[in-house]
Amino acid sequence: MIITMKKQVIAVFLLSTLGGLASAQSLQPQIQDRPNILFITVEGQSLAALMRGETQAREPVLSVFGPDNFALRSQRWRYIRYADGYKKGHI
């Protein structure tokens, strides 16, 4: 079985399941840990060790979506900047 994913950063965070921040970009390496699955390109880090409780969630998480749009998140802070200059922040 061959599965391919486009090199797009997806702004989804798995806060409730993992108890910490993770980006959907890390799902591909997690799935790739399974036997009989081949990916052409890999970005991110596997979440397997985090799910087993062997490591802690990384902080902060940076997500880029489209040109000049990004979000920087930690457990406590969130900063989002859009290409049109609009900014959002939250504690």
PDB file of N, CA and C in Angstrom:
ATOM      1  N   MET A   1       0.847  -1.171   0.000  1.00  0.00           N
ATOM      2  CA  MET A   1       0.000   0.000   0.000  1.00  0.00           C
ATOM      3  C   MET A   1       0.893   1.235   0.000  1.00  0.00           C
ATOM      4  N   ILE A   2       0.617   2.187  -0.850  1.00  0.00           N
ATOM      5  CA  ILE A   2       1.362   3.443  -0.899  1.00  0.00           C
ATOM      6  C   ILE A   2       0.399   4.582  -0.597  1.00  0.00           C
ATOM      7  N   ILE A   3       0.765   5.410   0.368  1.00  0.00           N
ATOM      8  CA  ILE A   3      -0.040   6.570   0.737  1.00  0.00           C
ATOM      9  C   ILE A   3       0.825   7.802   0.555  1.00  0.00           C
ATOM     10  N   THR A   4       0.326   8.808  -0.126  1.00  0.00           N
ATOM     11  CA  THR A   4       1.076  10.053  -0.267  1.00  0.00           C
ATOM     12  C   THR A   4       0.278  11.194   0.345  1.00  0.00           C
ATOM     13  N   MET A   5       0.985  12.162   0.890  1.00  0.00           N
ATOM     14  CA  MET A   5       0.354  13.348   1.466  1.00  0.00           C
ATOM     15  C   MET A   5       1.048  14.569   0.898  1.00  0.00           C
ATOM     16  N   LYS A   6       0.292  15.604   0.603  1.00  0.00           N
ATOM     17  CA  LYS A   6       0.887  16.845   0.117  1.00  0.00           C
ATOM     18  C   LYS A   6       1.650  17.517   1.244  1.00  0.00           C
ATOM     19  N   LYS A   7       2.649  18.301   0.883  1.00  0.00           N
ATOM     20  CA  LYS A   7       3.465  19.014   1.871  1.00  0.00           C
ATOM     21  C   LYS A   7       2.765  20.281   2.326  1.00  0.00           C
ATOM     22  N   GLN A   8       1.639  20.135   2.949  1.00  0.00           N
ATOM     23  CA  GLN A   8       0.914  21.275   3.499  1.00  0.00           C
ATOM     24  C   GLN A   8       0.841  21.088   5.002  1.00  0.00           C
ATOM     25  N   VAL A   9       1.056  22.155   5.725  1.00  0.00           N
ATOM     26  CA  VAL A   9       0.932  22.095   7.172  1.00  0.00           C
ATOM     27  C   VAL A   9      -0.534  22.289   7.519  1.00  0.00           C
ATOM     28  N   ILE A  10      -1.081  21.377   8.274  1.00  0.00           N
ATOM     29  CA  ILE A  10      -2.490  21.425   8.643  1.00  0.00           C
ATOM     30  C   ILE A  10      -2.593  21.993  10.044  1.00  0.00           C
ATOM     31  N   ALA A  11      -3.408  23.003  10.222  1.00  0.00           N
ATOM     32  CA  ALA A  11      -3.501  23.678  11.515  1.00  0.00           C
ATOM     33  C   ALA A  11      -4.522  22.983  12.420  1.00  0.00           C
ATOM     34  N   VAL A  12      -4.196  21.768  12.821  1.00  0.00           N
ATOM     35  CA  VAL A  12      -5.043  21.001  13.727  1.00  0.00           C
ATOM     36  C   VAL A  12      -4.179  20.586  14.905  1.00  0.00           C
ATOM     37  N   PHE A  13      -4.686  20.716  16.090  1.00  0.00           N
ATOM     38  CA  PHE A  13      -3.912  20.370  17.269  1.00  0.00           C
ATOM     39  C   PHE A  13      -4.628  19.282  18.049  1.00  0.00           C
ATOM     40  N   LEU A  14      -3.869  18.301  18.498  1.00  0.00           N
ATOM     41  CA  LEU A  14      -4.432  17.142  19.159  1.00  0.00           C
ATOM     42  C   LEU A  14      -4.305  17.290  20.665  1.00  0.00           C
ATOM     43  N   LEU A  15      -4.903  18.324  21.209  1.00  0.00           N
ATOM     44  CA  LEU A  15      -4.735  18.676  22.611  1.00  0.00           C
ATOM     45  C   LEU A  15      -5.389  17.670  23.545  1.00  0.00           C
ATOM     46  N   SER A  16      -6.626  17.306  23.308  1.00  0.00           N
ATOM     47  CA  SER A  16      -7.345  16.466  24.265  1.00  0.00           C
ATOM     48  C   SER A  16      -6.820  15.039  24.296  1.00  0.00           C
ATOM     49  N   THR A  17      -6.455  14.468  23.165  1.00  0.00           N
ATOM     50  CA  THR A  17      -6.002  13.084  23.115  1.00  0.00           C
ATOM     51  C   THR A  17      -4.631  12.904  23.740  1.00  0.00           C
ATOM     52  N   LEU A  18      -3.713  13.822  23.465  1.00  0.00           N
ATOM     53  CA  LEU A  18      -2.335  13.669  23.911  1.00  0.00           C
ATOM     54  C   LEU A  18      -2.033  14.414  25.196  1.00  0.00           C
ATOM     55  N   GLY A  19      -2.908  15.292  25.622  1.00  0.00           N
ATOM     56  CA  GLY A  19      -2.652  16.070  26.824  1.00  0.00           C
ATOM     57  C   GLY A  19      -1.622  17.158  26.601  1.00  0.00           C
ATOM     58  N   GLY A  20      -1.334  17.493  25.358  1.00  0.00           N
ATOM     59  CA  GLY A  20      -0.370  18.535  25.024  1.00  0.00           C
ATOM     60  C   GLY A  20      -0.536  18.911  23.569  1.00  0.00           C
ATOM     61  N   LEU A  21       0.246  19.861  23.116  1.00  0.00           N
ATOM     62  CA  LEU A  21       0.140  20.325  21.734  1.00  0.00           C
ATOM     63  C   LEU A  21       0.896  19.410  20.791  1.00  0.00           C
ATOM     64  N   ALA A  22       0.323  19.185  19.640  1.00  0.00           N
ATOM     65  CA  ALA A  22       0.974  18.456  18.557  1.00  0.00           C
ATOM     66  C   ALA A  22       0.335  18.953  17.274  1.00  0.00           C
ATOM     67  N   SER A  23       1.077  18.921  16.192  1.00  0.00           N
ATOM     68  CA  SER A  23       0.493  19.352  14.923  1.00  0.00           C
ATOM     69  C   SER A  23       0.103  18.133  14.104  1.00  0.00           C
ATOM     70  N   ALA A  24      -0.862  18.311  13.230  1.00  0.00           N
ATOM     71  CA  ALA A  24      -1.297  17.213  12.371  1.00  0.00           C
ATOM     72  C   ALA A  24      -0.173  16.778  11.444  1.00  0.00           C
ATOM     73  N   GLN A  25       0.812  17.627  11.256  1.00  0.00           N
ATOM     74  CA  GLN A  25       1.981  17.287  10.456  1.00  0.00           C
ATOM     75  C   GLN A  25       2.669  16.054  11.038  1.00  0.00           C
ATOM     76  N   SER A  26       2.527  15.817  12.323  1.00  0.00           N
ATOM     77  CA  SER A  26       3.151  14.666  12.974  1.00  0.00           C
ATOM     78  C   SER A  26       2.343  13.384  12.803  1.00  0.00           C
ATOM     79  N   LEU A  27       1.155  13.460  12.217  1.00  0.00           N
ATOM     80  CA  LEU A  27       0.365  12.251  12.005  1.00  0.00           C
ATOM     81  C   LEU A  27       0.989  11.332  10.962  1.00  0.00           C
ATOM     82  N   GLN A  28       1.580  11.890   9.915  1.00  0.00           N
ATOM     83  CA  GLN A  28       2.172  11.063   8.871  1.00  0.00           C
ATOM     84  C   GLN A  28       3.275  10.166   9.419  1.00  0.00           C
ATOM     85  N   PRO A  29       4.262  10.686  10.191  1.00  0.00           N
ATOM     86  CA  PRO A  29       5.265   9.784  10.754  1.00  0.00           C
ATOM     87  C   PRO A  29       4.654   8.770  11.721  1.00  0.00           C
ATOM     88  N   GLN A  30       3.606   9.155  12.422  1.00  0.00           N
ATOM     89  CA  GLN A  30       2.927   8.229  13.332  1.00  0.00           C
ATOM     90  C   GLN A  30       2.345   7.057  12.550  1.00  0.00           C
ATOM     91  N   ILE A  31       1.671   7.350  11.449  1.00  0.00           N
ATOM     92  CA  ILE A  31       1.097   6.289  10.620  1.00  0.00           C
ATOM     93  C   ILE A  31       2.206   5.483   9.965  1.00  0.00           C
ATOM     94  N   GLN A  32       3.291   6.146   9.594  1.00  0.00           N
ATOM     95  CA  GLN A  32       4.397   5.459   8.927  1.00  0.00           C
ATOM     96  C   GLN A  32       5.070   4.447   9.849  1.00  0.00           C
ATOM     97  N   ASP A  33       4.916   4.583  11.164  1.00  0.00           N
ATOM     98  CA  ASP A  33       5.453   3.600  12.101  1.00  0.00           C
ATOM     99  C   ASP A  33       4.776   2.238  11.932  1.00  0.00           C
ATOM    100  N   ARG A  34       3.621   2.215  11.295  1.00  0.00           N
ATOM    101  CA  ARG A  34       2.881   0.971  11.094  1.00  0.00           C
ATOM    102  C   ARG A  34       3.526   0.177   9.962  1.00  0.00           C
ATOM    103  N   PRO A  35       3.542  -1.157  10.051  1.00  0.00           N
ATOM    104  CA  PRO A  35       4.133  -1.968   8.979  1.00  0.00           C
ATOM    105  C   PRO A  35       3.296  -1.903   7.699  1.00  0.00           C
ATOM    106  N   ASN A  36       3.936  -2.145   6.579  1.00  0.00           N
ATOM    107  CA  ASN A  36       3.302  -2.230   5.259  1.00  0.00           C
ATOM    108  C   ASN A  36       2.737  -0.909   4.746  1.00  0.00           C
ATOM    109  N   ILE A  37       3.156   0.209   5.300  1.00  0.00           N
ATOM    110  CA  ILE A  37       2.736   1.507   4.787  1.00  0.00           C
ATOM    111  C   ILE A  37       3.989   2.277   4.388  1.00  0.00           C
ATOM    112  N   LEU A  38       4.038   2.754   3.170  1.00  0.00           N
ATOM    113  CA  LEU A  38       5.194   3.483   2.652  1.00  0.00           C
ATOM    114  C   LEU A  38       4.772   4.903   2.298  1.00  0.00           C
ATOM    115  N   PHE A  39       5.501   5.881   2.802  1.00  0.00           N
ATOM    116  CA  PHE A  39       5.265   7.277   2.458  1.00  0.00           C
ATOM    117  C   PHE A  39       6.428   7.768   1.613  1.00  0.00           C
ATOM    118  N   ILE A  40       6.132   8.609   0.666  1.00  0.00           N
ATOM    119  CA  ILE A  40       7.169   9.161  -0.199  1.00  0.00           C
ATOM    120  C   ILE A  40       7.963  10.240   0.537  1.00  0.00           C
ATOM    121  N   THR A  41       7.285  11.143   1.222  1.00  0.00           N
ATOM    122  CA  THR A  41       7.963  12.195   1.973  1.00  0.00           C
ATOM    123  C   THR A  41       7.449  12.200   3.407  1.00  0.00           C
ATOM    124  N   VAL A  42       8.308  12.625   4.311  1.00  0.00           N
ATOM    125  CA  VAL A  42       7.928  12.655   5.722  1.00  0.00           C
ATOM    126  C   VAL A  42       8.334  13.992   6.317  1.00  0.00           C
ATOM    127  N   GLU A  43       7.398  14.669   6.953  1.00  0.00           N
ATOM    128  CA  GLU A  43       7.671  15.875   7.718  1.00  0.00           C
ATOM    129  C   GLU A  43       7.059  15.672   9.090  1.00  0.00           C
ATOM    130  N   GLY A  44       7.606  16.317  10.104  1.00  0.00           N
ATOM    131  CA  GLY A  44       7.088  16.159  11.460  1.00  0.00           C
ATOM    132  C   GLY A  44       7.796  15.034  12.191  1.00  0.00           C
ATOM    133  N   GLN A  45       7.322  14.735  13.378  1.00  0.00           N
ATOM    134  CA  GLN A  45       7.905  13.690  14.216  1.00  0.00           C
ATOM    135  C   GLN A  45       6.809  12.727  14.622  1.00  0.00           C
ATOM    136  N   SER A  46       7.166  11.460  14.779  1.00  0.00           N
ATOM    137  CA  SER A  46       6.191  10.463  15.198  1.00  0.00           C
ATOM    138  C   SER A  46       5.667  10.792  16.593  1.00  0.00           C
ATOM    139  N   LEU A  47       4.389  10.544  16.809  1.00  0.00           N
ATOM    140  CA  LEU A  47       3.762  10.780  18.109  1.00  0.00           C
ATOM    141  C   LEU A  47       3.757   9.524  18.978  1.00  0.00           C
ATOM    142  N   ALA A  48       4.344   8.421  18.495  1.00  0.00           N
ATOM    143  CA  ALA A  48       4.295   7.148  19.213  1.00  0.00           C
ATOM    144  C   ALA A  48       4.873   7.263  20.620  1.00  0.00           C
ATOM    145  N   ALA A  49       6.061   7.860  20.774  1.00  0.00           N
ATOM    146  CA  ALA A  49       6.683   7.990  22.101  1.00  0.00           C
ATOM    147  C   ALA A  49       5.838   8.872  23.018  1.00  0.00           C
ATOM    148  N   LEU A  50       5.234   9.907  22.473  1.00  0.00           N
ATOM    149  CA  LEU A  50       4.369  10.793  23.261  1.00  0.00           C
ATOM    150  C   LEU A  50       3.128  10.040  23.741  1.00  0.00           C
ATOM    151  N   MET A  51       2.560   9.225  22.871  1.00  0.00           N
ATOM    152  CA  MET A  51       1.362   8.470  23.226  1.00  0.00           C
ATOM    153  C   MET A  51       1.664   7.387  24.267  1.00  0.00           C
ATOM    154  N   ARG A  52       2.891   6.864  24.253  1.00  0.00           N
ATOM    155  CA  ARG A  52       3.286   5.861  25.258  1.00  0.00           C
ATOM    156  C   ARG A  52       3.728   6.507  26.564  1.00  0.00           C
ATOM    157  N   GLY A  53       3.790   7.846  26.604  1.00  0.00           N
ATOM    158  CA  GLY A  53       4.204   8.547  27.815  1.00  0.00           C
ATOM    159  C   GLY A  53       5.707   8.565  28.028  1.00  0.00           C
ATOM    160  N   GLU A  54       6.481   8.287  26.986  1.00  0.00           N
ATOM    161  CA  GLU A  54       7.939   8.236  27.090  1.00  0.00           C
ATOM    162  C   GLU A  54       8.594   9.599  26.880  1.00  0.00           C
ATOM    163  N   THR A  55       7.847  10.558  26.396  1.00  0.00           N
ATOM    164  CA  THR A  55       8.375  11.895  26.157  1.00  0.00           C
ATOM    165  C   THR A  55       7.264  12.914  26.380  1.00  0.00           C
ATOM    166  N   GLN A  56       7.634  14.180  26.455  1.00  0.00           N
ATOM    167  CA  GLN A  56       6.650  15.239  26.656  1.00  0.00           C
ATOM    168  C   GLN A  56       6.355  15.941  25.337  1.00  0.00           C
ATOM    169  N   ALA A  57       5.194  16.581  25.277  1.00  0.00           N
ATOM    170  CA  ALA A  57       4.817  17.329  24.076  1.00  0.00           C
ATOM    171  C   ALA A  57       5.784  18.486  23.875  1.00  0.00           C
ATOM    172  N   ARG A  58       6.061  18.782  22.618  1.00  0.00           N
ATOM    173  CA  ARG A  58       6.974  19.890  22.324  1.00  0.00           C
ATOM    174  C   ARG A  58       6.219  21.202  22.392  1.00  0.00           C
ATOM    175  N   GLU A  59       6.933  22.245  22.702  1.00  0.00           N
ATOM    176  CA  GLU A  59       6.352  23.591  22.710  1.00  0.00           C
ATOM    177  C   GLU A  59       7.383  24.555  22.194  1.00  0.00           C
ATOM    178  N   PRO A  60       7.023  25.594  21.564  1.00  0.00           N
ATOM    179  CA  PRO A  60       5.703  25.868  20.996  1.00  0.00           C
ATOM    180  C   PRO A  60       5.522  25.118  19.681  1.00  0.00           C
ATOM    181  N   VAL A  61       4.320  25.144  19.144  1.00  0.00           N
ATOM    182  CA  VAL A  61       4.014  24.540  17.850  1.00  0.00           C
ATOM    183  C   VAL A  61       3.768  25.672  16.858  1.00  0.00           C
ATOM    184  N   LEU A  62       4.463  25.630  15.730  1.00  0.00           N
ATOM    185  CA  LEU A  62       4.305  26.633  14.671  1.00  0.00           C
ATOM    186  C   LEU A  62       3.580  25.987  13.501  1.00  0.00           C
ATOM    187  N   SER A  63       2.513  26.591  13.040  1.00  0.00           N
ATOM    188  CA  SER A  63       1.782  26.124  11.864  1.00  0.00           C
ATOM    189  C   SER A  63       1.778  27.237  10.831  1.00  0.00           C
ATOM    190  N   VAL A  64       2.080  26.872   9.595  1.00  0.00           N
ATOM    191  CA  VAL A  64       2.083  27.827   8.492  1.00  0.00           C
ATOM    192  C   VAL A  64       1.023  27.369   7.503  1.00  0.00           C
ATOM    193  N   PHE A  65       0.135  28.281   7.114  1.00  0.00           N
ATOM    194  CA  PHE A  65      -0.920  27.920   6.177  1.00  0.00           C
ATOM    195  C   PHE A  65      -1.023  29.010   5.131  1.00  0.00           C
ATOM    196  N   GLY A  66      -0.566  28.684   3.940  1.00  0.00           N
ATOM    197  CA  GLY A  66      -0.559  29.657   2.856  1.00  0.00           C
ATOM    198  C   GLY A  66       0.546  30.683   3.049  1.00  0.00           C
ATOM    199  N   PRO A  67       0.710  31.574   2.082  1.00  0.00           N
ATOM    200  CA  PRO A  67       1.747  32.594   2.212  1.00  0.00           C
ATOM    201  C   PRO A  67       1.407  33.614   3.299  1.00  0.00           C
ATOM    202  N   ASP A  68       2.340  33.844   4.186  1.00  0.00           N
ATOM    203  CA  ASP A  68       2.243  34.877   5.226  1.00  0.00           C
ATOM    204  C   ASP A  68       1.122  34.666   6.245  1.00  0.00           C
ATOM    205  N   ASN A  69       0.656  33.453   6.415  1.00  0.00           N
ATOM    206  CA  ASN A  69      -0.318  33.117   7.458  1.00  0.00           C
ATOM    207  C   ASN A  69       0.346  32.119   8.398  1.00  0.00           C
ATOM    208  N   PHE A  70       0.347  32.409   9.688  1.00  0.00           N
ATOM    209  CA  PHE A  70       0.926  31.437  10.611  1.00  0.00           C
ATOM    210  C   PHE A  70       0.294  31.549  11.991  1.00  0.00           C
ATOM    211  N   ALA A  71       0.451  30.480  12.755  1.00  0.00           N
ATOM    212  CA  ALA A  71      -0.010  30.441  14.144  1.00  0.00           C
ATOM    213  C   ALA A  71       1.116  29.874  14.991  1.00  0.00           C
ATOM    214  N   LEU A  72       1.383  30.510  16.113  1.00  0.00           N
ATOM    215  CA  LEU A  72       2.382  30.043  17.068  1.00  0.00           C
ATOM    216  C   LEU A  72       1.641  29.771  18.365  1.00  0.00           C
ATOM    217  N   ARG A  73       1.683  28.530  18.844  1.00  0.00           N
ATOM    218  CA  ARG A  73       0.891  28.142  20.007  1.00  0.00           C
ATOM    219  C   ARG A  73       1.742  27.431  21.046  1.00  0.00           C
ATOM    220  N   SER A  74       1.393  27.672  22.294  1.00  0.00           N
ATOM    221  CA  SER A  74       1.942  26.921  23.421  1.00  0.00           C
ATOM    222  C   SER A  74       0.761  26.550  24.307  1.00  0.00           C
ATOM    223  N   GLN A  75       1.021  25.890  25.419  1.00  0.00           N
ATOM    224  CA  GLN A  75      -0.069  25.552  26.329  1.00  0.00           C
ATOM    225  C   GLN A  75      -0.771  26.812  26.831  1.00  0.00           C
ATOM    226  N   ARG A  76      -0.014  27.889  27.014  1.00  0.00           N
ATOM    227  CA  ARG A  76      -0.567  29.103  27.605  1.00  0.00           C
ATOM    228  C   ARG A  76      -0.916  30.198  26.599  1.00  0.00           C
ATOM    229  N   TRP A  77      -0.184  30.290  25.489  1.00  0.00           N
ATOM    230  CA  TRP A  77      -0.326  31.407  24.556  1.00  0.00           C
ATOM    231  C   TRP A  77      -0.720  30.926  23.167  1.00  0.00           C
ATOM    232  N   ARG A  78      -1.369  31.840  22.433  1.00  0.00           N
ATOM    233  CA  ARG A  78      -1.692  31.600  21.030  1.00  0.00           C
ATOM    234  C   ARG A  78      -1.519  32.927  20.295  1.00  0.00           C
ATOM    235  N   TYR A  79      -0.754  32.922  19.209  1.00  0.00           N
ATOM    236  CA  TYR A  79      -0.578  34.119  18.377  1.00  0.00           C
ATOM    237  C   TYR A  79      -0.813  33.709  16.928  1.00  0.00           C
ATOM    238  N   ILE A  80      -1.727  34.387  16.268  1.00  0.00           N
ATOM    239  CA  ILE A  80      -2.052  34.081  14.876  1.00  0.00           C
ATOM    240  C   ILE A  80      -1.888  35.351  14.055  1.00  0.00           C
ATOM    241  N   ARG A  81      -1.206  35.244  12.933  1.00  0.00           N
ATOM    242  CA  ARG A  81      -1.030  36.386  12.026  1.00  0.00           C
ATOM    243  C   ARG A  81      -1.481  35.957  10.636  1.00  0.00           C
ATOM    244  N   TYR A  82      -2.336  36.786  10.055  1.00  0.00           N
ATOM    245  CA  TYR A  82      -2.867  36.516   8.725  1.00  0.00           C
ATOM    246  C   TYR A  82      -2.166  37.394   7.697  1.00  0.00           C
ATOM    247  N   ALA A  83      -2.211  36.978   6.440  1.00  0.00           N
ATOM    248  CA  ALA A  83      -1.535  37.698   5.358  1.00  0.00           C
ATOM    249  C   ALA A  83      -2.029  39.136   5.224  1.00  0.00           C
ATOM    250  N   ASP A  84      -3.283  39.398   5.584  1.00  0.00           N
ATOM    251  CA  ASP A  84      -3.820  40.760   5.464  1.00  0.00           C
ATOM    252  C   ASP A  84      -3.393  41.664   6.621  1.00  0.00           C
ATOM    253  N   GLY A  85      -2.550  41.152   7.531  1.00  0.00           N
ATOM    254  CA  GLY A  85      -2.048  41.949   8.643  1.00  0.00           C
ATOM    255  C   GLY A  85      -2.834  41.792   9.928  1.00  0.00           C
ATOM    256  N   TYR A  86      -3.998  41.135   9.868  1.00  0.00           N
ATOM    257  CA  TYR A  86      -4.811  40.930  11.067  1.00  0.00           C
ATOM    258  C   TYR A  86      -4.078  40.002  12.034  1.00  0.00           C
ATOM    259  N   LYS A  87      -4.091  40.348  13.315  1.00  0.00           N
ATOM    260  CA  LYS A  87      -3.402  39.558  14.338  1.00  0.00           C
ATOM    261  C   LYS A  87      -4.378  39.208  15.448  1.00  0.00           C
ATOM    262  N   LYS A  88      -4.216  38.025  16.019  1.00  0.00           N
ATOM    263  CA  LYS A  88      -5.008  37.595  17.164  1.00  0.00           C
ATOM    264  C   LYS A  88      -4.063  37.018  18.203  1.00  0.00           C
ATOM    265  N   GLY A  89      -4.329  37.299  19.456  1.00  0.00           N
ATOM    266  CA  GLY A  89      -3.556  36.718  20.547  1.00  0.00           C
ATOM    267  C   GLY A  89      -4.483  36.304  21.663  1.00  0.00           C
ATOM    268  N   HIS A  90      -4.071  35.325  22.437  1.00  0.00           N
ATOM    269  CA  HIS A  90      -4.918  34.828  23.517  1.00  0.00           C
ATOM    270  C   HIS A  90      -4.051  34.167  24.577  1.00  0.00           C
ATOM    271  N   ILE A  91      -4.447  34.351  25.835  1.00  0.00           N
ATOM    272  CA  ILE A  91      -3.770  33.655  26.940  1.00  0.00           C
ATOM    273  C   ILE A  91      -4.620  32.471  27.316  1.00  0.00           C
TER     274      ILE A  91
END
